[in-house]
């Protein structure tokens, strides 16, 4: 696949990820619980598909950029850590309303950091 297709796939993954995290965070902030969420399976699936699209497309773009898997630059490791954080945050959002309120603002900050690393490749 071309770099552009991987980039589009990456963007779709971002949209799905933020859709699920934002929806669950807002639901929790408004007093909802995991057991009371009729759409929890849909939210979890959207979150999972978003993460899968992100990781597959991310590695595809790295291949198209010619970044060898044997010597990844530091920014790639940082992006993988951010991806892992986003993976675990859905559970954390459900834990407490106070976490959801903090993460409502934390999600865009993590997203900004991931975008910064991808665009500027600082290390």
PDB file of N, CA and C in Angstrom:
ATOM      1  N   UNK A   1       0.844  -1.183   0.000  1.00  0.00           N
ATOM      2  CA  UNK A   1       0.000   0.000   0.000  1.00  0.00           C
ATOM      3  C   UNK A   1       0.884   1.238   0.000  1.00  0.00           C
ATOM      4  N   UNK A   2       0.340   2.317  -0.472  1.00  0.00           N
ATOM      5  CA  UNK A   2       1.108   3.554  -0.546  1.00  0.00           C
ATOM      6  C   UNK A   2       1.145   4.260   0.805  1.00  0.00           C
ATOM      7  N   UNK A   3       2.076   5.192   0.921  1.00  0.00           N
ATOM      8  CA  UNK A   3       2.200   5.989   2.132  1.00  0.00           C
ATOM      9  C   UNK A   3       0.901   6.729   2.421  1.00  0.00           C
ATOM     10  N   UNK A   4       0.247   7.255   1.379  1.00  0.00           N
ATOM     11  CA  UNK A   4      -0.987   8.013   1.551  1.00  0.00           C
ATOM     12  C   UNK A   4      -2.114   7.140   2.113  1.00  0.00           C
ATOM     13  N   UNK A   5      -2.185   5.887   1.676  1.00  0.00           N
ATOM     14  CA  UNK A   5      -3.212   4.981   2.188  1.00  0.00           C
ATOM     15  C   UNK A   5      -2.964   4.701   3.666  1.00  0.00           C
ATOM     16  N   UNK A   6      -1.704   4.466   4.021  1.00  0.00           N
ATOM     17  CA  UNK A   6      -1.386   4.255   5.437  1.00  0.00           C
ATOM     18  C   UNK A   6      -1.706   5.501   6.269  1.00  0.00           C
ATOM     19  N   UNK A   7      -1.415   6.656   5.707  1.00  0.00           N
ATOM     20  CA  UNK A   7      -1.695   7.910   6.427  1.00  0.00           C
ATOM     21  C   UNK A   7      -3.194   8.087   6.642  1.00  0.00           C
ATOM     22  N   UNK A   8      -3.993   7.792   5.632  1.00  0.00           N
ATOM     23  CA  UNK A   8      -5.453   7.869   5.758  1.00  0.00           C
ATOM     24  C   UNK A   8      -5.948   6.864   6.795  1.00  0.00           C
ATOM     25  N   UNK A   9      -5.414   5.664   6.754  1.00  0.00           N
ATOM     26  CA  UNK A   9      -5.776   4.636   7.725  1.00  0.00           C
ATOM     27  C   UNK A   9      -5.408   5.087   9.146  1.00  0.00           C
ATOM     28  N   UNK A  10      -4.266   5.733   9.283  1.00  0.00           N
ATOM     29  CA  UNK A  10      -3.830   6.257  10.572  1.00  0.00           C
ATOM     30  C   UNK A  10      -4.807   7.314  11.085  1.00  0.00           C
ATOM     31  N   UNK A  11      -5.238   8.187  10.189  1.00  0.00           N
ATOM     32  CA  UNK A  11      -6.200   9.236  10.573  1.00  0.00           C
ATOM     33  C   UNK A  11      -7.534   8.631  11.004  1.00  0.00           C
ATOM     34  N   UNK A  12      -8.011   7.634  10.296  1.00  0.00           N
ATOM     35  CA  UNK A  12      -9.257   6.953  10.688  1.00  0.00           C
ATOM     36  C   UNK A  12      -9.094   6.343  12.075  1.00  0.00           C
ATOM     37  N   UNK A  13      -7.938   5.750  12.338  1.00  0.00           N
ATOM     38  CA  UNK A  13      -7.663   5.191  13.661  1.00  0.00           C
ATOM     39  C   UNK A  13      -7.714   6.253  14.746  1.00  0.00           C
ATOM     40  N   UNK A  14      -7.164   7.420  14.460  1.00  0.00           N
ATOM     41  CA  UNK A  14      -7.207   8.537  15.408  1.00  0.00           C
ATOM     42  C   UNK A  14      -8.654   8.946  15.676  1.00  0.00           C
ATOM     43  N   UNK A  15      -9.438   9.069  14.619  1.00  0.00           N
ATOM     44  CA  UNK A  15     -10.850   9.463  14.788  1.00  0.00           C
ATOM     45  C   UNK A  15     -11.606   8.447  15.639  1.00  0.00           C
ATOM     46  N   UNK A  16     -11.415   7.157  15.354  1.00  0.00           N
ATOM     47  CA  UNK A  16     -12.102   6.116  16.117  1.00  0.00           C
ATOM     48  C   UNK A  16     -11.669   6.122  17.579  1.00  0.00           C
ATOM     49  N   UNK A  17     -10.380   6.266  17.812  1.00  0.00           N
ATOM     50  CA  UNK A  17      -9.856   6.282  19.172  1.00  0.00           C
ATOM     51  C   UNK A  17     -10.445   7.432  19.981  1.00  0.00           C
ATOM     52  N   UNK A  18     -10.400   8.638  19.419  1.00  0.00           N
ATOM     53  CA  UNK A  18     -10.905   9.797  20.143  1.00  0.00           C
ATOM     54  C   UNK A  18     -12.428   9.777  20.273  1.00  0.00           C
ATOM     55  N   UNK A  19     -13.112   9.200  19.303  1.00  0.00           N
ATOM     56  CA  UNK A  19     -14.566   9.043  19.408  1.00  0.00           C
ATOM     57  C   UNK A  19     -14.910   8.183  20.622  1.00  0.00           C
ATOM     58  N   UNK A  20     -14.251   7.042  20.746  1.00  0.00           N
ATOM     59  CA  UNK A  20     -14.560   6.133  21.853  1.00  0.00           C
ATOM     60  C   UNK A  20     -14.144   6.717  23.195  1.00  0.00           C
ATOM     61  N   UNK A  21     -12.945   7.265  23.275  1.00  0.00           N
ATOM     62  CA  UNK A  21     -12.485   7.813  24.548  1.00  0.00           C
ATOM     63  C   UNK A  21     -13.309   9.011  24.985  1.00  0.00           C
ATOM     64  N   UNK A  22     -13.629   9.877  24.052  1.00  0.00           N
ATOM     65  CA  UNK A  22     -14.450  11.044  24.380  1.00  0.00           C
ATOM     66  C   UNK A  22     -15.860  10.665  24.787  1.00  0.00           C
ATOM     67  N   UNK A  23     -16.441   9.713  24.073  1.00  0.00           N
ATOM     68  CA  UNK A  23     -17.799   9.279  24.394  1.00  0.00           C
ATOM     69  C   UNK A  23     -17.890   8.641  25.772  1.00  0.00           C
ATOM     70  N   UNK A  24     -16.944   7.754  26.069  1.00  0.00           N
ATOM     71  CA  UNK A  24     -16.953   7.091  27.374  1.00  0.00           C
ATOM     72  C   UNK A  24     -16.632   8.093  28.480  1.00  0.00           C
ATOM     73  N   UNK A  25     -15.696   9.001  28.245  1.00  0.00           N
ATOM     74  CA  UNK A  25     -15.370  10.009  29.254  1.00  0.00           C
ATOM     75  C   UNK A  25     -16.585  10.880  29.553  1.00  0.00           C
ATOM     76  N   UNK A  26     -17.265  11.354  28.537  1.00  0.00           N
ATOM     77  CA  UNK A  26     -18.442  12.190  28.747  1.00  0.00           C
ATOM     78  C   UNK A  26     -19.545  11.418  29.462  1.00  0.00           C
ATOM     79  N   UNK A  27     -19.747  10.177  29.093  1.00  0.00           N
ATOM     80  CA  UNK A  27     -20.737   9.324  29.748  1.00  0.00           C
ATOM     81  C   UNK A  27     -20.412   9.198  31.241  1.00  0.00           C
ATOM     82  N   UNK A  28     -19.142   8.957  31.554  1.00  0.00           N
ATOM     83  CA  UNK A  28     -18.722   8.797  32.947  1.00  0.00           C
ATOM     84  C   UNK A  28     -18.807  10.115  33.710  1.00  0.00           C
ATOM     85  N   UNK A  29     -18.395  11.200  33.092  1.00  0.00           N
ATOM     86  CA  UNK A  29     -18.480  12.518  33.734  1.00  0.00           C
ATOM     87  C   UNK A  29     -19.921  12.831  34.116  1.00  0.00           C
ATOM     88  N   UNK A  30     -20.863  12.396  33.307  1.00  0.00           N
ATOM     89  CA  UNK A  30     -22.279  12.647  33.583  1.00  0.00           C
ATOM     90  C   UNK A  30     -22.895  11.614  34.526  1.00  0.00           C
ATOM     91  N   UNK A  31     -22.050  10.821  35.186  1.00  0.00           N
ATOM     92  CA  UNK A  31     -22.541   9.909  36.200  1.00  0.00           C
ATOM     93  C   UNK A  31     -22.766   8.483  35.745  1.00  0.00           C
ATOM     94  N   UNK A  32     -22.453   8.167  34.512  1.00  0.00           N
ATOM     95  CA  UNK A  32     -22.649   6.808  34.012  1.00  0.00           C
ATOM     96  C   UNK A  32     -21.608   5.843  34.556  1.00  0.00           C
ATOM     97  N   UNK A  33     -21.980   4.582  34.595  1.00  0.00           N
ATOM     98  CA  UNK A  33     -21.055   3.534  35.024  1.00  0.00           C
ATOM     99  C   UNK A  33     -20.886   2.528  33.894  1.00  0.00           C
ATOM    100  N   UNK A  34     -19.816   1.748  33.983  1.00  0.00           N
ATOM    101  CA  UNK A  34     -19.551   0.760  32.935  1.00  0.00           C
ATOM    102  C   UNK A  34     -20.705  -0.224  32.816  1.00  0.00           C
ATOM    103  N   UNK A  35     -21.226  -0.670  33.966  1.00  0.00           N
ATOM    104  CA  UNK A  35     -22.325  -1.640  33.931  1.00  0.00           C
ATOM    105  C   UNK A  35     -23.609  -1.035  33.371  1.00  0.00           C
ATOM    106  N   UNK A  36     -23.745   0.274  33.468  1.00  0.00           N
ATOM    107  CA  UNK A  36     -24.935   0.939  32.955  1.00  0.00           C
ATOM    108  C   UNK A  36     -24.814   1.435  31.527  1.00  0.00           C
ATOM    109  N   UNK A  37     -23.666   1.216  30.914  1.00  0.00           N
ATOM    110  CA  UNK A  37     -23.434   1.697  29.559  1.00  0.00           C
ATOM    111  C   UNK A  37     -23.900   0.653  28.550  1.00  0.00           C
ATOM    112  N   UNK A  38     -25.031   0.907  27.930  1.00  0.00           N
ATOM    113  CA  UNK A  38     -25.578  -0.029  26.944  1.00  0.00           C
ATOM    114  C   UNK A  38     -24.691  -0.134  25.700  1.00  0.00           C
ATOM    115  N   UNK A  39     -23.864   0.861  25.475  1.00  0.00           N
ATOM    116  CA  UNK A  39     -22.996   0.892  24.306  1.00  0.00           C
ATOM    117  C   UNK A  39     -21.555   0.542  24.640  1.00  0.00           C
ATOM    118  N   UNK A  40     -21.306  -0.084  25.803  1.00  0.00           N
ATOM    119  CA  UNK A  40     -19.929  -0.355  26.199  1.00  0.00           C
ATOM    120  C   UNK A  40     -19.213  -1.267  25.208  1.00  0.00           C
ATOM    121  N   UNK A  41     -19.909  -2.231  24.638  1.00  0.00           N
ATOM    122  CA  UNK A  41     -19.274  -3.126  23.662  1.00  0.00           C
ATOM    123  C   UNK A  41     -18.918  -2.375  22.386  1.00  0.00           C
ATOM    124  N   UNK A  42     -19.812  -1.497  21.948  1.00  0.00           N
ATOM    125  CA  UNK A  42     -19.534  -0.689  20.747  1.00  0.00           C
ATOM    126  C   UNK A  42     -18.368   0.259  21.012  1.00  0.00           C
ATOM    127  N   UNK A  43     -18.362   0.889  22.188  1.00  0.00           N
ATOM    128  CA  UNK A  43     -17.271   1.800  22.541  1.00  0.00           C
ATOM    129  C   UNK A  43     -15.947   1.045  22.611  1.00  0.00           C
ATOM    130  N   UNK A  44     -15.959  -0.136  23.206  1.00  0.00           N
ATOM    131  CA  UNK A  44     -14.733  -0.934  23.309  1.00  0.00           C
ATOM    132  C   UNK A  44     -14.253  -1.384  21.928  1.00  0.00           C
ATOM    133  N   UNK A  45     -15.183  -1.789  21.077  1.00  0.00           N
ATOM    134  CA  UNK A  45     -14.812  -2.209  19.722  1.00  0.00           C
ATOM    135  C   UNK A  45     -14.251  -1.038  18.922  1.00  0.00           C
ATOM    136  N   UNK A  46     -14.872   0.117  19.039  1.00  0.00           N
ATOM    137  CA  UNK A  46     -14.381   1.317  18.342  1.00  0.00           C
ATOM    138  C   UNK A  46     -12.983   1.663  18.824  1.00  0.00           C
ATOM    139  N   UNK A  47     -12.773   1.592  20.117  1.00  0.00           N
ATOM    140  CA  UNK A  47     -11.462   1.842  20.713  1.00  0.00           C
ATOM    141  C   UNK A  47     -10.436   0.841  20.174  1.00  0.00           C
ATOM    142  N   UNK A  48     -10.790  -0.433  20.172  1.00  0.00           N
ATOM    143  CA  UNK A  48      -9.876  -1.472  19.695  1.00  0.00           C
ATOM    144  C   UNK A  48      -9.536  -1.353  18.222  1.00  0.00           C
ATOM    145  N   UNK A  49     -10.554  -1.116  17.402  1.00  0.00           N
ATOM    146  CA  UNK A  49     -10.297  -0.951  15.966  1.00  0.00           C
ATOM    147  C   UNK A  49      -9.439   0.283  15.708  1.00  0.00           C
ATOM    148  N   UNK A  50      -9.699   1.354  16.448  1.00  0.00           N
ATOM    149  CA  UNK A  50      -8.878   2.558  16.310  1.00  0.00           C
ATOM    150  C   UNK A  50      -7.421   2.266  16.614  1.00  0.00           C
ATOM    151  N   UNK A  51      -7.177   1.544  17.705  1.00  0.00           N
ATOM    152  CA  UNK A  51      -5.801   1.195  18.070  1.00  0.00           C
ATOM    153  C   UNK A  51      -5.148   0.290  17.027  1.00  0.00           C
ATOM    154  N   UNK A  52      -5.908  -0.669  16.514  1.00  0.00           N
ATOM    155  CA  UNK A  52      -5.358  -1.561  15.482  1.00  0.00           C
ATOM    156  C   UNK A  52      -5.004  -0.767  14.227  1.00  0.00           C
ATOM    157  N   UNK A  53      -5.906   0.098  13.787  1.00  0.00           N
ATOM    158  CA  UNK A  53      -5.620   0.921  12.610  1.00  0.00           C
ATOM    159  C   UNK A  53      -4.371   1.768  12.843  1.00  0.00           C
ATOM    160  N   UNK A  54      -4.251   2.341  14.043  1.00  0.00           N
ATOM    161  CA  UNK A  54      -3.102   3.190  14.344  1.00  0.00           C
ATOM    162  C   UNK A  54      -1.786   2.426  14.277  1.00  0.00           C
ATOM    163  N   UNK A  55      -1.744   1.261  14.882  1.00  0.00           N
ATOM    164  CA  UNK A  55      -0.479   0.521  14.930  1.00  0.00           C
ATOM    165  C   UNK A  55      -0.109  -0.045  13.560  1.00  0.00           C
ATOM    166  N   UNK A  56      -1.077  -0.594  12.845  1.00  0.00           N
ATOM    167  CA  UNK A  56      -0.792  -1.154  11.516  1.00  0.00           C
ATOM    168  C   UNK A  56      -0.358  -0.048  10.555  1.00  0.00           C
ATOM    169  N   UNK A  57      -1.106   1.034  10.542  1.00  0.00           N
ATOM    170  CA  UNK A  57      -0.766   2.139   9.646  1.00  0.00           C
ATOM    171  C   UNK A  57       0.544   2.807  10.052  1.00  0.00           C
ATOM    172  N   UNK A  58       0.782   2.917  11.347  1.00  0.00           N
ATOM    173  CA  UNK A  58       2.033   3.516  11.805  1.00  0.00           C
ATOM    174  C   UNK A  58       3.245   2.727  11.343  1.00  0.00           C
ATOM    175  N   UNK A  59       3.185   1.405  11.505  1.00  0.00           N
ATOM    176  CA  UNK A  59       4.294   0.577  11.039  1.00  0.00           C
ATOM    177  C   UNK A  59       4.388   0.581   9.509  1.00  0.00           C
ATOM    178  N   UNK A  60       3.241   0.652   8.829  1.00  0.00           N
ATOM    179  CA  UNK A  60       3.252   0.751   7.372  1.00  0.00           C
ATOM    180  C   UNK A  60       3.918   2.031   6.896  1.00  0.00           C
ATOM    181  N   UNK A  61       3.610   3.132   7.554  1.00  0.00           N
ATOM    182  CA  UNK A  61       4.245   4.402   7.180  1.00  0.00           C
ATOM    183  C   UNK A  61       5.743   4.365   7.467  1.00  0.00           C
ATOM    184  N   UNK A  62       6.135   3.748   8.572  1.00  0.00           N
ATOM    185  CA  UNK A  62       7.569   3.633   8.865  1.00  0.00           C
ATOM    186  C   UNK A  62       8.276   2.838   7.779  1.00  0.00           C
ATOM    187  N   UNK A  63       7.634   1.771   7.303  1.00  0.00           N
ATOM    188  CA  UNK A  63       8.230   0.969   6.227  1.00  0.00           C
ATOM    189  C   UNK A  63       8.370   1.804   4.956  1.00  0.00           C
ATOM    190  N   UNK A  64       7.340   2.589   4.644  1.00  0.00           N
ATOM    191  CA  UNK A  64       7.389   3.425   3.439  1.00  0.00           C
ATOM    192  C   UNK A  64       8.433   4.537   3.557  1.00  0.00           C
ATOM    193  N   UNK A  65       8.707   4.983   4.803  1.00  0.00           N
ATOM    194  CA  UNK A  65       9.736   6.000   5.025  1.00  0.00           C
ATOM    195  C   UNK A  65      11.136   5.396   5.060  1.00  0.00           C
ATOM    196  N   UNK A  66      11.208   4.061   5.052  1.00  0.00           N
ATOM    197  CA  UNK A  66      12.504   3.390   5.052  1.00  0.00           C
ATOM    198  C   UNK A  66      13.164   3.328   6.424  1.00  0.00           C
ATOM    199  N   UNK A  67      12.372   3.384   7.483  1.00  0.00           N
ATOM    200  CA  UNK A  67      12.915   3.291   8.838  1.00  0.00           C
ATOM    201  C   UNK A  67      13.073   1.802   9.165  1.00  0.00           C
ATOM    202  N   UNK A  68      14.321   1.351   9.341  1.00  0.00           N
ATOM    203  CA  UNK A  68      14.537  -0.080   9.597  1.00  0.00           C
ATOM    204  C   UNK A  68      14.066  -0.476  10.998  1.00  0.00           C
ATOM    205  N   UNK A  69      13.504  -1.664  11.098  1.00  0.00           N
ATOM    206  CA  UNK A  69      12.982  -2.119  12.385  1.00  0.00           C
ATOM    207  C   UNK A  69      14.087  -2.422  13.392  1.00  0.00           C
ATOM    208  N   UNK A  70      15.298  -2.600  12.921  1.00  0.00           N
ATOM    209  CA  UNK A  70      16.407  -2.925  13.818  1.00  0.00           C
ATOM    210  C   UNK A  70      16.939  -1.701  14.572  1.00  0.00           C
ATOM    211  N   UNK A  71      16.684  -0.514  14.052  1.00  0.00           N
ATOM    212  CA  UNK A  71      17.229   0.688  14.702  1.00  0.00           C
ATOM    213  C   UNK A  71      16.213   1.829  14.671  1.00  0.00           C
ATOM    214  N   UNK A  72      15.157   1.652  15.431  1.00  0.00           N
ATOM    215  CA  UNK A  72      14.143   2.696  15.497  1.00  0.00           C
ATOM    216  C   UNK A  72      14.690   3.934  16.206  1.00  0.00           C
ATOM    217  N   UNK A  73      14.323   5.104  15.702  1.00  0.00           N
ATOM    218  CA  UNK A  73      14.686   6.324  16.434  1.00  0.00           C
ATOM    219  C   UNK A  73      13.837   6.451  17.707  1.00  0.00           C
ATOM    220  N   UNK A  74      14.266   7.314  18.601  1.00  0.00           N
ATOM    221  CA  UNK A  74      13.595   7.482  19.886  1.00  0.00           C
ATOM    222  C   UNK A  74      12.145   7.900  19.786  1.00  0.00           C
ATOM    223  N   UNK A  75      11.815   8.702  18.777  1.00  0.00           N
ATOM    224  CA  UNK A  75      10.440   9.178  18.664  1.00  0.00           C
ATOM    225  C   UNK A  75       9.476   8.025  18.392  1.00  0.00           C
ATOM    226  N   UNK A  76       9.952   6.956  17.735  1.00  0.00           N
ATOM    227  CA  UNK A  76       9.094   5.791  17.478  1.00  0.00           C
ATOM    228  C   UNK A  76       8.754   5.102  18.797  1.00  0.00           C
ATOM    229  N   UNK A  77       9.759   4.936  19.653  1.00  0.00           N
ATOM    230  CA  UNK A  77       9.500   4.334  20.968  1.00  0.00           C
ATOM    231  C   UNK A  77       8.527   5.193  21.774  1.00  0.00           C
ATOM    232  N   UNK A  78       8.695   6.496  21.709  1.00  0.00           N
ATOM    233  CA  UNK A  78       7.788   7.400  22.429  1.00  0.00           C
ATOM    234  C   UNK A  78       6.360   7.271  21.905  1.00  0.00           C
ATOM    235  N   UNK A  79       6.207   7.150  20.597  1.00  0.00           N
ATOM    236  CA  UNK A  79       4.863   6.982  20.021  1.00  0.00           C
ATOM    237  C   UNK A  79       4.245   5.653  20.448  1.00  0.00           C
ATOM    238  N   UNK A  80       5.044   4.607  20.558  1.00  0.00           N
ATOM    239  CA  UNK A  80       4.528   3.315  21.015  1.00  0.00           C
ATOM    240  C   UNK A  80       4.072   3.409  22.470  1.00  0.00           C
ATOM    241  N   UNK A  81       4.804   4.128  23.292  1.00  0.00           N
ATOM    242  CA  UNK A  81       4.397   4.332  24.692  1.00  0.00           C
ATOM    243  C   UNK A  81       3.066   5.081  24.743  1.00  0.00           C
ATOM    244  N   UNK A  82       2.922   6.114  23.924  1.00  0.00           N
ATOM    245  CA  UNK A  82       1.657   6.865  23.876  1.00  0.00           C
ATOM    246  C   UNK A  82       0.530   5.949  23.404  1.00  0.00           C
ATOM    247  N   UNK A  83       0.791   5.110  22.409  1.00  0.00           N
ATOM    248  CA  UNK A  83      -0.212   4.161  21.916  1.00  0.00           C
ATOM    249  C   UNK A  83      -0.640   3.225  23.039  1.00  0.00           C
ATOM    250  N   UNK A  84       0.324   2.723  23.825  1.00  0.00           N
ATOM    251  CA  UNK A  84       0.003   1.847  24.950  1.00  0.00           C
ATOM    252  C   UNK A  84      -0.823   2.587  26.014  1.00  0.00           C
ATOM    253  N   UNK A  85      -0.476   3.849  26.263  1.00  0.00           N
ATOM    254  CA  UNK A  85      -1.258   4.645  27.217  1.00  0.00           C
ATOM    255  C   UNK A  85      -2.700   4.793  26.747  1.00  0.00           C
ATOM    256  N   UNK A  86      -2.873   5.142  25.490  1.00  0.00           N
ATOM    257  CA  UNK A  86      -4.226   5.261  24.949  1.00  0.00           C
ATOM    258  C   UNK A  86      -4.974   3.929  25.049  1.00  0.00           C
ATOM    259  N   UNK A  87      -4.246   2.836  24.926  1.00  0.00           N
ATOM    260  CA  UNK A  87      -4.868   1.523  25.033  1.00  0.00           C
ATOM    261  C   UNK A  87      -5.439   1.245  26.410  1.00  0.00           C
ATOM    262  N   UNK A  88      -4.760   1.698  27.441  1.00  0.00           N
ATOM    263  CA  UNK A  88      -5.217   1.451  28.801  1.00  0.00           C
ATOM    264  C   UNK A  88      -6.144   2.488  29.373  1.00  0.00           C
ATOM    265  N   UNK A  89      -6.253   3.609  28.719  1.00  0.00           N
ATOM    266  CA  UNK A  89      -7.022   4.707  29.294  1.00  0.00           C
ATOM    267  C   UNK A  89      -8.527   4.485  29.287  1.00  0.00           C
ATOM    268  N   UNK A  90      -9.037   3.640  28.413  1.00  0.00           N
ATOM    269  CA  UNK A  90     -10.478   3.383  28.399  1.00  0.00           C
ATOM    270  C   UNK A  90     -10.922   2.790  29.736  1.00  0.00           C
ATOM    271  N   UNK A  91     -10.135   1.873  30.254  1.00  0.00           N
ATOM    272  CA  UNK A  91     -10.448   1.271  31.553  1.00  0.00           C
ATOM    273  C   UNK A  91     -10.366   2.312  32.661  1.00  0.00           C
ATOM    274  N   UNK A  92      -9.351   3.151  32.607  1.00  0.00           N
ATOM    275  CA  UNK A  92      -9.170   4.169  33.637  1.00  0.00           C
ATOM    276  C   UNK A  92     -10.319   5.171  33.660  1.00  0.00           C
ATOM    277  N   UNK A  93     -10.842   5.506  32.501  1.00  0.00           N
ATOM    278  CA  UNK A  93     -11.960   6.452  32.420  1.00  0.00           C
ATOM    279  C   UNK A  93     -13.173   5.917  33.175  1.00  0.00           C
ATOM    280  N   UNK A  94     -13.407   4.623  33.079  1.00  0.00           N
ATOM    281  CA  UNK A  94     -14.556   4.017  33.754  1.00  0.00           C
ATOM    282  C   UNK A  94     -14.381   3.951  35.274  1.00  0.00           C
ATOM    283  N   UNK A  95     -13.152   3.979  35.767  1.00  0.00           N
ATOM    284  CA  UNK A  95     -12.892   3.755  37.189  1.00  0.00           C
ATOM    285  C   UNK A  95     -13.540   4.820  38.082  1.00  0.00           C
ATOM    286  N   UNK A  96     -13.308   6.074  37.764  1.00  0.00           N
ATOM    287  CA  UNK A  96     -13.837   7.161  38.593  1.00  0.00           C
ATOM    288  C   UNK A  96     -14.184   8.359  37.739  1.00  0.00           C
ATOM    289  N   UNK A  97     -15.195   9.066  38.182  1.00  0.00           N
ATOM    290  CA  UNK A  97     -15.615  10.275  37.483  1.00  0.00           C
ATOM    291  C   UNK A  97     -14.489  11.313  37.474  1.00  0.00           C
ATOM    292  N   UNK A  98     -13.736  11.400  38.569  1.00  0.00           N
ATOM    293  CA  UNK A  98     -12.643  12.381  38.634  1.00  0.00           C
ATOM    294  C   UNK A  98     -11.557  12.074  37.603  1.00  0.00           C
ATOM    295  N   UNK A  99     -11.278  10.779  37.344  1.00  0.00           N
ATOM    296  CA  UNK A  99     -10.317  10.417  36.316  1.00  0.00           C
ATOM    297  C   UNK A  99     -10.809  10.853  34.942  1.00  0.00           C
ATOM    298  N   UNK A 100     -12.090  10.634  34.705  1.00  0.00           N
ATOM    299  CA  UNK A 100     -12.665  10.991  33.401  1.00  0.00           C
ATOM    300  C   UNK A 100     -12.550  12.494  33.156  1.00  0.00           C
ATOM    301  N   UNK A 101     -12.778  13.281  34.205  1.00  0.00           N
ATOM    302  CA  UNK A 101     -12.676  14.744  34.056  1.00  0.00           C
ATOM    303  C   UNK A 101     -11.256  15.170  33.729  1.00  0.00           C
ATOM    304  N   UNK A 102     -10.287  14.570  34.386  1.00  0.00           N
ATOM    305  CA  UNK A 102      -8.880  14.903  34.120  1.00  0.00           C
ATOM    306  C   UNK A 102      -8.496  14.451  32.705  1.00  0.00           C
ATOM    307  N   UNK A 103      -8.889  13.222  32.352  1.00  0.00           N
ATOM    308  CA  UNK A 103      -8.514  12.681  31.048  1.00  0.00           C
ATOM    309  C   UNK A 103      -9.219  13.384  29.892  1.00  0.00           C
ATOM    310  N   UNK A 104     -10.361  13.997  30.157  1.00  0.00           N
ATOM    311  CA  UNK A 104     -11.030  14.785  29.122  1.00  0.00           C
ATOM    312  C   UNK A 104     -10.053  15.812  28.547  1.00  0.00           C
ATOM    313  N   UNK A 105      -9.207  16.366  29.419  1.00  0.00           N
ATOM    314  CA  UNK A 105      -8.199  17.332  28.980  1.00  0.00           C
ATOM    315  C   UNK A 105      -6.877  16.654  28.638  1.00  0.00           C
ATOM    316  N   UNK A 106      -6.640  15.478  29.210  1.00  0.00           N
ATOM    317  CA  UNK A 106      -5.400  14.762  28.955  1.00  0.00           C
ATOM    318  C   UNK A 106      -5.338  14.111  27.589  1.00  0.00           C
ATOM    319  N   UNK A 107      -6.477  13.657  27.072  1.00  0.00           N
ATOM    320  CA  UNK A 107      -6.494  13.025  25.748  1.00  0.00           C
ATOM    321  C   UNK A 107      -5.933  13.941  24.663  1.00  0.00           C
ATOM    322  N   UNK A 108      -6.417  15.182  24.563  1.00  0.00           N
ATOM    323  CA  UNK A 108      -5.856  16.055  23.520  1.00  0.00           C
ATOM    324  C   UNK A 108      -4.370  16.360  23.732  1.00  0.00           C
ATOM    325  N   UNK A 109      -3.936  16.410  24.988  1.00  0.00           N
ATOM    326  CA  UNK A 109      -2.515  16.666  25.247  1.00  0.00           C
ATOM    327  C   UNK A 109      -1.680  15.492  24.747  1.00  0.00           C
ATOM    328  N   UNK A 110      -2.115  14.275  25.031  1.00  0.00           N
ATOM    329  CA  UNK A 110      -1.405  13.100  24.511  1.00  0.00           C
ATOM    330  C   UNK A 110      -1.444  13.067  22.982  1.00  0.00           C
ATOM    331  N   UNK A 111      -2.592  13.420  22.416  1.00  0.00           N
ATOM    332  CA  UNK A 111      -2.710  13.476  20.960  1.00  0.00           C
ATOM    333  C   UNK A 111      -1.776  14.506  20.354  1.00  0.00           C
ATOM    334  N   UNK A 112      -1.681  15.677  20.996  1.00  0.00           N
ATOM    335  CA  UNK A 112      -0.764  16.720  20.537  1.00  0.00           C
ATOM    336  C   UNK A 112       0.673  16.219  20.582  1.00  0.00           C
ATOM    337  N   UNK A 113       1.037  15.556  21.672  1.00  0.00           N
ATOM    338  CA  UNK A 113       2.395  15.035  21.811  1.00  0.00           C
ATOM    339  C   UNK A 113       2.701  14.004  20.722  1.00  0.00           C
ATOM    340  N   UNK A 114       1.740  13.123  20.454  1.00  0.00           N
ATOM    341  CA  UNK A 114       1.936  12.123  19.402  1.00  0.00           C
ATOM    342  C   UNK A 114       2.103  12.793  18.038  1.00  0.00           C
ATOM    343  N   UNK A 115       1.287  13.801  17.757  1.00  0.00           N
ATOM    344  CA  UNK A 115       1.390  14.513  16.481  1.00  0.00           C
ATOM    345  C   UNK A 115       2.729  15.245  16.377  1.00  0.00           C
ATOM    346  N   UNK A 116       3.139  15.871  17.468  1.00  0.00           N
ATOM    347  CA  UNK A 116       4.419  16.580  17.480  1.00  0.00           C
ATOM    348  C   UNK A 116       5.569  15.622  17.143  1.00  0.00           C
ATOM    349  N   UNK A 117       5.549  14.460  17.794  1.00  0.00           N
ATOM    350  CA  UNK A 117       6.605  13.479  17.544  1.00  0.00           C
ATOM    351  C   UNK A 117       6.615  13.004  16.090  1.00  0.00           C
ATOM    352  N   UNK A 118       5.425  12.793  15.525  1.00  0.00           N
ATOM    353  CA  UNK A 118       5.338  12.314  14.149  1.00  0.00           C
ATOM    354  C   UNK A 118       5.768  13.369  13.137  1.00  0.00           C
ATOM    355  N   UNK A 119       5.413  14.610  13.408  1.00  0.00           N
ATOM    356  CA  UNK A 119       5.725  15.678  12.440  1.00  0.00           C
ATOM    357  C   UNK A 119       7.170  16.112  12.521  1.00  0.00           C
ATOM    358  N   UNK A 120       7.671  16.345  13.740  1.00  0.00           N
ATOM    359  CA  UNK A 120       9.019  16.916  13.903  1.00  0.00           C
ATOM    360  C   UNK A 120      10.109  15.866  14.141  1.00  0.00           C
ATOM    361  N   UNK A 121       9.743  14.655  14.528  1.00  0.00           N
ATOM    362  CA  UNK A 121      10.712  13.573  14.760  1.00  0.00           C
ATOM    363  C   UNK A 121      11.941  14.100  15.501  1.00  0.00           C
ATOM    364  N   UNK A 122      11.747  14.610  16.736  1.00  0.00           N
ATOM    365  CA  UNK A 122      12.820  15.329  17.424  1.00  0.00           C
ATOM    366  C   UNK A 122      14.007  14.477  17.869  1.00  0.00           C
ATOM    367  N   UNK A 123      13.828  13.200  18.036  1.00  0.00           N
ATOM    368  CA  UNK A 123      14.945  12.351  18.476  1.00  0.00           C
ATOM    369  C   UNK A 123      14.792  10.949  17.931  1.00  0.00           C
TER     370      UNK A 123
END
